[in-house]
PDB file of all heavy atoms in Angstrom:
ATOM      1  N   LYS A   1      -0.926-170.509  67.252  1.00  0.00           N
ATOM      2  CA  LYS A   1      -0.798-169.618  68.364  1.00  0.00           C
ATOM      3  C   LYS A   1      -2.121-169.353  69.063  1.00  0.00           C
ATOM      4  O   LYS A   1      -3.183-169.170  68.371  1.00  0.00           O
ATOM      5  CB  LYS A   1      -0.220-168.291  67.839  1.00  0.00           C
ATOM      6  CG  LYS A   1       0.016-167.199  68.915  1.00  0.00           C
ATOM      7  CD  LYS A   1       0.523-165.954  68.279  1.00  0.00           C
ATOM      8  CE  LYS A   1       0.609-164.793  69.209  1.00  0.00           C
ATOM      9  NZ  LYS A   1       1.553-164.975  70.266  1.00  0.00           N
ATOM     10  N   LYS A   2      -2.172-169.394  70.342  1.00  0.00           N
ATOM     11  CA  LYS A   2      -3.420-169.078  71.083  1.00  0.00           C
ATOM     12  C   LYS A   2      -3.606-167.581  71.092  1.00  0.00           C
ATOM     13  O   LYS A   2      -2.680-166.821  71.412  1.00  0.00           O
ATOM     14  CB  LYS A   2      -3.366-169.636  72.496  1.00  0.00           C
ATOM     15  CG  LYS A   2      -3.658-171.119  72.584  1.00  0.00           C
ATOM     16  CD  LYS A   2      -4.019-171.534  73.992  1.00  0.00           C
ATOM     17  CE  LYS A   2      -4.497-172.996  73.998  1.00  0.00           C
ATOM     18  NZ  LYS A   2      -4.989-173.461  75.329  1.00  0.00           N
ATOM     19  N   ILE A   3      -4.814-167.190  70.777  1.00  0.00           N
ATOM     20  CA  ILE A   3      -5.209-165.752  70.709  1.00  0.00           C
ATOM     21  C   ILE A   3      -6.484-165.581  71.454  1.00  0.00           C
ATOM     22  O   ILE A   3      -7.486-166.400  71.408  1.00  0.00           O
ATOM     23  CB  ILE A   3      -5.403-165.341  69.203  1.00  0.00           C
ATOM     24  CG1 ILE A   3      -4.146-165.409  68.466  1.00  0.00           C
ATOM     25  CG2 ILE A   3      -5.965-163.908  69.211  1.00  0.00           C
ATOM     26  CD1 ILE A   3      -3.107-164.443  68.770  1.00  0.00           C
ATOM     27  N   ASN A   4      -6.582-164.528  72.288  1.00  0.00           N
ATOM     28  CA  ASN A   4      -7.776-164.257  73.038  1.00  0.00           C
ATOM     29  C   ASN A   4      -8.535-163.151  72.355  1.00  0.00           C
ATOM     30  O   ASN A   4      -8.050-162.021  72.051  1.00  0.00           O
ATOM     31  CB  ASN A   4      -7.482-163.785  74.465  1.00  0.00           C
ATOM     32  CG  ASN A   4      -6.876-164.931  75.293  1.00  0.00           C
ATOM     33  OD1 ASN A   4      -7.352-166.071  75.191  1.00  0.00           O
ATOM     34  ND2 ASN A   4      -5.815-164.687  76.034  1.00  0.00           N
ATOM     35  N   ILE A   5      -9.915-163.392  71.997  1.00  0.00           N
ATOM     36  CA  ILE A   5     -10.756-162.403  71.486  1.00  0.00           C
ATOM     37  C   ILE A   5     -11.857-162.279  72.476  1.00  0.00           C
ATOM     38  O   ILE A   5     -12.759-163.036  72.623  1.00  0.00           O
ATOM     39  CB  ILE A   5     -11.365-162.871  70.080  1.00  0.00           C
ATOM     40  CG1 ILE A   5     -10.218-163.247  69.120  1.00  0.00           C
ATOM     41  CG2 ILE A   5     -12.272-161.817  69.523  1.00  0.00           C
ATOM     42  CD1 ILE A   5     -10.676-164.011  67.923  1.00  0.00           C
ATOM     43  N   GLY A   6     -11.714-161.126  73.304  1.00  0.00           N
ATOM     44  CA  GLY A   6     -12.630-160.969  74.409  1.00  0.00           C
ATOM     45  C   GLY A   6     -12.499-162.223  75.342  1.00  0.00           C
ATOM     46  O   GLY A   6     -11.339-162.529  75.700  1.00  0.00           O
ATOM     47  N   ASN A   7     -13.563-162.840  75.654  1.00  0.00           N
ATOM     48  CA  ASN A   7     -13.568-164.022  76.498  1.00  0.00           C
ATOM     49  C   ASN A   7     -13.506-165.308  75.685  1.00  0.00           C
ATOM     50  O   ASN A   7     -13.716-166.395  76.338  1.00  0.00           O
ATOM     51  CB  ASN A   7     -14.871-163.955  77.396  1.00  0.00           C
ATOM     52  CG  ASN A   7     -16.133-164.028  76.609  1.00  0.00           C
ATOM     53  OD1 ASN A   7     -16.136-164.004  75.382  1.00  0.00           O
ATOM     54  ND2 ASN A   7     -17.199-164.019  77.275  1.00  0.00           N
ATOM     55  N   VAL A   8     -13.209-165.293  74.427  1.00  0.00           N
ATOM     56  CA  VAL A   8     -13.110-166.465  73.606  1.00  0.00           C
ATOM     57  C   VAL A   8     -11.595-166.646  73.226  1.00  0.00           C
ATOM     58  O   VAL A   8     -10.993-165.772  72.709  1.00  0.00           O
ATOM     59  CB  VAL A   8     -13.942-166.366  72.339  1.00  0.00           C
ATOM     60  CG1 VAL A   8     -13.698-167.570  71.375  1.00  0.00           C
ATOM     61  CG2 VAL A   8     -15.413-166.308  72.729  1.00  0.00           C
ATOM     62  N   THR A   9     -11.146-167.893  73.437  1.00  0.00           N
ATOM     63  CA  THR A   9      -9.776-168.224  73.060  1.00  0.00           C
ATOM     64  C   THR A   9      -9.819-169.098  71.771  1.00  0.00           C
ATOM     65  O   THR A   9     -10.550-170.089  71.684  1.00  0.00           O
ATOM     66  CB  THR A   9      -9.047-169.029  74.127  1.00  0.00           C
ATOM     67  OG1 THR A   9      -9.015-168.215  75.365  1.00  0.00           O
ATOM     68  CG2 THR A   9      -7.674-169.378  73.727  1.00  0.00           C
ATOM     69  N   ILE A  10      -9.001-168.745  70.791  1.00  0.00           N
ATOM     70  CA  ILE A  10      -8.896-169.518  69.545  1.00  0.00           C
ATOM     71  C   ILE A  10      -7.444-169.958  69.373  1.00  0.00           C
ATOM     72  O   ILE A  10      -6.551-169.358  69.938  1.00  0.00           O
ATOM     73  CB  ILE A  10      -9.369-168.750  68.336  1.00  0.00           C
ATOM     74  CG1 ILE A  10      -8.451-167.531  68.062  1.00  0.00           C
ATOM     75  CG2 ILE A  10     -10.791-168.289  68.459  1.00  0.00           C
ATOM     76  CD1 ILE A  10      -8.691-166.923  66.681  1.00  0.00           C
ATOM     77  N   GLY A  11      -7.243-170.964  68.637  1.00  0.00           N
ATOM     78  CA  GLY A  11      -5.913-171.431  68.256  1.00  0.00           C
ATOM     79  C   GLY A  11      -5.403-172.382  69.375  1.00  0.00           C
ATOM     80  O   GLY A  11      -5.982-172.520  70.444  1.00  0.00           O
ATOM     81  N   GLY A  12      -4.301-173.138  69.050  1.00  0.00           N
ATOM     82  CA  GLY A  12      -3.721-174.017  69.982  1.00  0.00           C
ATOM     83  C   GLY A  12      -4.576-175.163  70.447  1.00  0.00           C
ATOM     84  O   GLY A  12      -4.544-175.646  71.545  1.00  0.00           O
ATOM     85  N   GLY A  13      -5.494-175.609  69.566  1.00  0.00           N
ATOM     86  CA  GLY A  13      -6.302-176.702  69.914  1.00  0.00           C
ATOM     87  C   GLY A  13      -7.622-176.266  70.566  1.00  0.00           C
ATOM     88  O   GLY A  13      -8.426-177.168  71.010  1.00  0.00           O
ATOM     89  N   SER A  14      -7.858-175.019  70.726  1.00  0.00           N
ATOM     90  CA  SER A  14      -9.167-174.549  71.329  1.00  0.00           C
ATOM     91  C   SER A  14     -10.314-174.979  70.449  1.00  0.00           C
ATOM     92  O   SER A  14     -10.139-175.198  69.181  1.00  0.00           O
ATOM     93  CB  SER A  14      -9.063-173.047  71.456  1.00  0.00           C
ATOM     94  OG  SER A  14      -7.967-172.623  72.237  1.00  0.00           O
ATOM     95  N   PRO A  15     -11.484-175.023  70.999  1.00  0.00           N
ATOM     96  CA  PRO A  15     -12.680-175.353  70.104  1.00  0.00           C
ATOM     97  C   PRO A  15     -12.826-174.327  69.007  1.00  0.00           C
ATOM     98  O   PRO A  15     -12.492-173.163  69.177  1.00  0.00           O
ATOM     99  CB  PRO A  15     -13.841-175.151  71.142  1.00  0.00           C
ATOM    100  CG  PRO A  15     -13.305-175.437  72.447  1.00  0.00           C
ATOM    101  CD  PRO A  15     -11.828-174.878  72.400  1.00  0.00           C
ATOM    102  N   ILE A  16     -13.169-174.792  67.821  1.00  0.00           N
ATOM    103  CA  ILE A  16     -13.355-173.956  66.668  1.00  0.00           C
ATOM    104  C   ILE A  16     -14.524-172.976  66.932  1.00  0.00           C
ATOM    105  O   ILE A  16     -15.615-173.477  67.243  1.00  0.00           O
ATOM    106  CB  ILE A  16     -13.622-174.795  65.415  1.00  0.00           C
ATOM    107  CG1 ILE A  16     -12.401-175.644  65.071  1.00  0.00           C
ATOM    108  CG2 ILE A  16     -13.919-173.895  64.237  1.00  0.00           C
ATOM    109  CD1 ILE A  16     -12.613-176.740  64.022  1.00  0.00           C
ATOM    110  N   ALA A  17     -14.268-171.757  66.833  1.00  0.00           N
ATOM    111  CA  ALA A  17     -15.272-170.685  67.060  1.00  0.00           C
ATOM    112  C   ALA A  17     -16.053-170.368  65.852  1.00  0.00           C
ATOM    113  O   ALA A  17     -15.469-170.317  64.728  1.00  0.00           O
ATOM    114  CB  ALA A  17     -14.615-169.415  67.639  1.00  0.00           C
ATOM    115  N   ILE A  18     -17.328-170.194  65.978  1.00  0.00           N
ATOM    116  CA  ILE A  18     -18.269-169.887  64.906  1.00  0.00           C
ATOM    117  C   ILE A  18     -18.457-168.372  64.847  1.00  0.00           C
ATOM    118  O   ILE A  18     -18.821-167.750  65.917  1.00  0.00           O
ATOM    119  CB  ILE A  18     -19.566-170.608  64.991  1.00  0.00           C
ATOM    120  CG1 ILE A  18     -19.391-172.148  64.968  1.00  0.00           C
ATOM    121  CG2 ILE A  18     -20.575-170.158  63.958  1.00  0.00           C
ATOM    122  CD1 ILE A  18     -20.642-172.851  65.272  1.00  0.00           C
ATOM    123  N   GLN A  19     -18.272-167.784  63.684  1.00  0.00           N
ATOM    124  CA  GLN A  19     -18.465-166.321  63.571  1.00  0.00           C
ATOM    125  C   GLN A  19     -19.598-165.998  62.550  1.00  0.00           C
ATOM    126  O   GLN A  19     -19.930-166.790  61.659  1.00  0.00           O
ATOM    127  CB  GLN A  19     -17.188-165.658  63.079  1.00  0.00           C
ATOM    128  CG  GLN A  19     -15.955-165.773  64.056  1.00  0.00           C
ATOM    129  CD  GLN A  19     -14.855-164.940  63.703  1.00  0.00           C
ATOM    130  OE1 GLN A  19     -15.068-163.800  63.131  1.00  0.00           O
ATOM    131  NE2 GLN A  19     -13.620-165.302  63.985  1.00  0.00           N
ATOM    132  N   SER A  20     -20.023-164.808  62.622  1.00  0.00           N
ATOM    133  CA  SER A  20     -20.961-164.257  61.663  1.00  0.00           C
ATOM    134  C   SER A  20     -20.759-162.718  61.609  1.00  0.00           C
ATOM    135  O   SER A  20     -19.924-162.235  62.377  1.00  0.00           O
ATOM    136  CB  SER A  20     -22.472-164.581  61.885  1.00  0.00           C
ATOM    137  OG  SER A  20     -23.256-164.119  60.800  1.00  0.00           O
ATOM    138  N   MET A  21     -21.519-162.075  60.766  1.00  0.00           N
ATOM    139  CA  MET A  21     -21.455-160.570  60.638  1.00  0.00           C
ATOM    140  C   MET A  21     -22.753-160.007  60.626  1.00  0.00           C
ATOM    141  O   MET A  21     -23.677-160.492  59.908  1.00  0.00           O
ATOM    142  CB  MET A  21     -20.568-160.186  59.489  1.00  0.00           C
ATOM    143  CG  MET A  21     -20.310-158.695  59.360  1.00  0.00           C
ATOM    144  SD  MET A  21     -19.105-158.338  58.042  1.00  0.00           S
ATOM    145  CE  MET A  21     -19.016-156.549  58.227  1.00  0.00           C
ATOM    146  N   THR A  22     -22.963-158.950  61.362  1.00  0.00           N
ATOM    147  CA  THR A  22     -24.247-158.219  61.305  1.00  0.00           C
ATOM    148  C   THR A  22     -24.488-157.531  59.997  1.00  0.00           C
ATOM    149  O   THR A  22     -23.486-157.144  59.285  1.00  0.00           O
ATOM    150  CB  THR A  22     -24.378-157.144  62.424  1.00  0.00           C
ATOM    151  OG1 THR A  22     -23.238-156.277  62.350  1.00  0.00           O
ATOM    152  CG2 THR A  22     -24.385-157.854  63.782  1.00  0.00           C
ATOM    153  N   ASN A  23     -25.753-157.385  59.574  1.00  0.00           N
ATOM    154  CA  ASN A  23     -25.972-156.600  58.383  1.00  0.00           C
ATOM    155  C   ASN A  23     -26.832-155.368  58.620  1.00  0.00           C
ATOM    156  O   ASN A  23     -27.352-154.773  57.732  1.00  0.00           O
ATOM    157  CB  ASN A  23     -26.655-157.476  57.300  1.00  0.00           C
ATOM    158  CG  ASN A  23     -28.028-158.117  57.788  1.00  0.00           C
ATOM    159  OD1 ASN A  23     -28.539-157.688  58.730  1.00  0.00           O
ATOM    160  ND2 ASN A  23     -28.388-159.221  57.163  1.00  0.00           N
ATOM    161  N   THR A  24     -26.865-154.994  59.878  1.00  0.00           N
ATOM    162  CA  THR A  24     -27.563-153.745  60.238  1.00  0.00           C
ATOM    163  C   THR A  24     -26.563-152.564  60.245  1.00  0.00           C
ATOM    164  O   THR A  24     -25.323-152.821  60.278  1.00  0.00           O
ATOM    165  CB  THR A  24     -28.110-153.915  61.658  1.00  0.00           C
ATOM    166  OG1 THR A  24     -27.013-154.150  62.572  1.00  0.00           O
ATOM    167  CG2 THR A  24     -29.189-154.978  61.813  1.00  0.00           C
ATOM    168  N   PRO A  25     -27.019-151.395  60.121  1.00  0.00           N
ATOM    169  CA  PRO A  25     -26.092-150.216  60.332  1.00  0.00           C
ATOM    170  C   PRO A  25     -25.604-150.276  61.740  1.00  0.00           C
ATOM    171  O   PRO A  25     -26.394-150.279  62.684  1.00  0.00           O
ATOM    172  CB  PRO A  25     -27.009-149.004  60.110  1.00  0.00           C
ATOM    173  CG  PRO A  25     -28.150-149.529  59.294  1.00  0.00           C
ATOM    174  CD  PRO A  25     -28.401-150.924  59.739  1.00  0.00           C
ATOM    175  N   THR A  26     -24.301-150.304  61.928  1.00  0.00           N
ATOM    176  CA  THR A  26     -23.742-150.448  63.281  1.00  0.00           C
ATOM    177  C   THR A  26     -24.119-149.386  64.210  1.00  0.00           C
ATOM    178  O   THR A  26     -24.338-149.607  65.464  1.00  0.00           O
ATOM    179  CB  THR A  26     -22.205-150.551  63.193  1.00  0.00           C
ATOM    180  OG1 THR A  26     -21.858-151.645  62.287  1.00  0.00           O
ATOM    181  CG2 THR A  26     -21.569-150.973  64.548  1.00  0.00           C
ATOM    182  N   ASP A  27     -24.280-148.163  63.710  1.00  0.00           N
ATOM    183  CA  ASP A  27     -24.634-147.015  64.576  1.00  0.00           C
ATOM    184  C   ASP A  27     -26.133-147.115  64.971  1.00  0.00           C
ATOM    185  O   ASP A  27     -26.615-146.353  65.797  1.00  0.00           O
ATOM    186  CB  ASP A  27     -24.308-145.685  63.925  1.00  0.00           C
ATOM    187  CG  ASP A  27     -25.018-145.462  62.647  1.00  0.00           C
ATOM    188  OD1 ASP A  27     -25.423-146.460  62.054  1.00  0.00           O
ATOM    189  OD2 ASP A  27     -25.005-144.302  62.221  1.00  0.00           O
ATOM    190  N   ASP A  28     -26.971-148.022  64.341  1.00  0.00           N
ATOM    191  CA  ASP A  28     -28.289-148.289  64.808  1.00  0.00           C
ATOM    192  C   ASP A  28     -28.173-149.330  65.885  1.00  0.00           C
ATOM    193  O   ASP A  28     -28.218-150.516  65.681  1.00  0.00           O
ATOM    194  CB  ASP A  28     -29.177-148.864  63.730  1.00  0.00           C
ATOM    195  CG  ASP A  28     -30.628-148.969  64.102  1.00  0.00           C
ATOM    196  OD1 ASP A  28     -30.887-149.041  65.337  1.00  0.00           O
ATOM    197  OD2 ASP A  28     -31.454-149.074  63.200  1.00  0.00           O
ATOM    198  N   ILE A  29     -27.850-148.831  67.132  1.00  0.00           N
ATOM    199  CA  ILE A  29     -27.470-149.714  68.200  1.00  0.00           C
ATOM    200  C   ILE A  29     -28.535-150.726  68.537  1.00  0.00           C
ATOM    201  O   ILE A  29     -28.274-151.900  68.766  1.00  0.00           O
ATOM    202  CB  ILE A  29     -27.056-148.882  69.347  1.00  0.00           C
ATOM    203  CG1 ILE A  29     -25.753-148.140  69.063  1.00  0.00           C
ATOM    204  CG2 ILE A  29     -26.827-149.760  70.615  1.00  0.00           C
ATOM    205  CD1 ILE A  29     -25.393-147.060  70.099  1.00  0.00           C
ATOM    206  N   ALA A  30     -29.772-150.304  68.588  1.00  0.00           N
ATOM    207  CA  ALA A  30     -30.881-151.185  68.962  1.00  0.00           C
ATOM    208  C   ALA A  30     -30.986-152.283  67.951  1.00  0.00           C
ATOM    209  O   ALA A  30     -31.132-153.472  68.369  1.00  0.00           O
ATOM    210  CB  ALA A  30     -32.182-150.432  69.024  1.00  0.00           C
ATOM    211  N   ALA A  31     -30.972-152.047  66.654  1.00  0.00           N
ATOM    212  CA  ALA A  31     -31.072-153.037  65.635  1.00  0.00           C
ATOM    213  C   ALA A  31     -29.888-153.967  65.683  1.00  0.00           C
ATOM    214  O   ALA A  31     -30.008-155.231  65.500  1.00  0.00           O
ATOM    215  CB  ALA A  31     -31.217-152.401  64.279  1.00  0.00           C
ATOM    216  N   THR A  32     -28.725-153.460  65.879  1.00  0.00           N
ATOM    217  CA  THR A  32     -27.542-154.245  65.848  1.00  0.00           C
ATOM    218  C   THR A  32     -27.450-155.233  67.001  1.00  0.00           C
ATOM    219  O   THR A  32     -27.167-156.370  66.933  1.00  0.00           O
ATOM    220  CB  THR A  32     -26.211-153.368  65.884  1.00  0.00           C
ATOM    221  OG1 THR A  32     -26.318-152.517  64.682  1.00  0.00           O
ATOM    222  CG2 THR A  32     -24.979-154.208  65.836  1.00  0.00           C
ATOM    223  N   VAL A  33     -27.829-154.714  68.248  1.00  0.00           N
ATOM    224  CA  VAL A  33     -27.863-155.523  69.427  1.00  0.00           C
ATOM    225  C   VAL A  33     -28.922-156.555  69.279  1.00  0.00           C
ATOM    226  O   VAL A  33     -28.672-157.812  69.606  1.00  0.00           O
ATOM    227  CB  VAL A  33     -28.183-154.649  70.667  1.00  0.00           C
ATOM    228  CG1 VAL A  33     -28.555-155.530  71.912  1.00  0.00           C
ATOM    229  CG2 VAL A  33     -27.002-153.752  71.002  1.00  0.00           C
ATOM    230  N   ALA A  34     -30.116-156.272  68.733  1.00  0.00           N
ATOM    231  CA  ALA A  34     -31.130-157.249  68.557  1.00  0.00           C
ATOM    232  C   ALA A  34     -30.680-158.405  67.653  1.00  0.00           C
ATOM    233  O   ALA A  34     -30.952-159.574  67.944  1.00  0.00           O
ATOM    234  CB  ALA A  34     -32.395-156.616  68.006  1.00  0.00           C
ATOM    235  N   GLN A  35     -29.963-158.056  66.614  1.00  0.00           N
ATOM    236  CA  GLN A  35     -29.471-159.103  65.732  1.00  0.00           C
ATOM    237  C   GLN A  35     -28.370-159.917  66.324  1.00  0.00           C
ATOM    238  O   GLN A  35     -28.344-161.114  66.210  1.00  0.00           O
ATOM    239  CB  GLN A  35     -28.888-158.477  64.376  1.00  0.00           C
ATOM    240  CG  GLN A  35     -28.618-159.532  63.345  1.00  0.00           C
ATOM    241  CD  GLN A  35     -28.368-158.910  62.016  1.00  0.00           C
ATOM    242  OE1 GLN A  35     -27.307-158.316  61.793  1.00  0.00           O
ATOM    243  NE2 GLN A  35     -29.257-159.091  61.084  1.00  0.00           N
ATOM    244  N   ILE A  36     -27.517-159.303  67.088  1.00  0.00           N
ATOM    245  CA  ILE A  36     -26.439-160.041  67.778  1.00  0.00           C
ATOM    246  C   ILE A  36     -27.038-160.989  68.770  1.00  0.00           C
ATOM    247  O   ILE A  36     -26.566-162.146  68.925  1.00  0.00           O
ATOM    248  CB  ILE A  36     -25.389-159.129  68.458  1.00  0.00           C
ATOM    249  CG1 ILE A  36     -24.672-158.353  67.372  1.00  0.00           C
ATOM    250  CG2 ILE A  36     -24.456-159.852  69.365  1.00  0.00           C
ATOM    251  CD1 ILE A  36     -23.736-157.238  67.942  1.00  0.00           C
ATOM    252  N   LEU A  37     -28.059-160.587  69.527  1.00  0.00           N
ATOM    253  CA  LEU A  37     -28.714-161.522  70.527  1.00  0.00           C
ATOM    254  C   LEU A  37     -29.345-162.669  69.819  1.00  0.00           C
ATOM    255  O   LEU A  37     -29.270-163.840  70.337  1.00  0.00           O
ATOM    256  CB  LEU A  37     -29.781-160.692  71.277  1.00  0.00           C
ATOM    257  CG  LEU A  37     -29.217-159.614  72.258  1.00  0.00           C
ATOM    258  CD1 LEU A  37     -30.332-158.862  72.962  1.00  0.00           C
ATOM    259  CD2 LEU A  37     -28.204-160.230  73.253  1.00  0.00           C
ATOM    260  N   GLU A  38     -29.866-162.424  68.593  1.00  0.00           N
ATOM    261  CA  GLU A  38     -30.428-163.574  67.865  1.00  0.00           C
ATOM    262  C   GLU A  38     -29.299-164.538  67.457  1.00  0.00           C
ATOM    263  O   GLU A  38     -29.417-165.776  67.419  1.00  0.00           O
ATOM    264  CB  GLU A  38     -31.164-163.048  66.618  1.00  0.00           C
ATOM    265  CG  GLU A  38     -32.536-162.521  66.906  1.00  0.00           C
ATOM    266  CD  GLU A  38     -33.504-163.529  67.478  1.00  0.00           C
ATOM    267  OE1 GLU A  38     -33.568-164.641  66.915  1.00  0.00           O
ATOM    268  OE2 GLU A  38     -34.045-163.293  68.501  1.00  0.00           O
TER     269      GLU A  38
END
């Protein structure tokens, strides 16, 4: 089944999406954003 996650579509033959998870405290917005940008 095709599923939309924000602007990324997965499933139904869509390109395989690569994920990761931050290891910063999420409420430390500056640190979390910096890691996501990396």
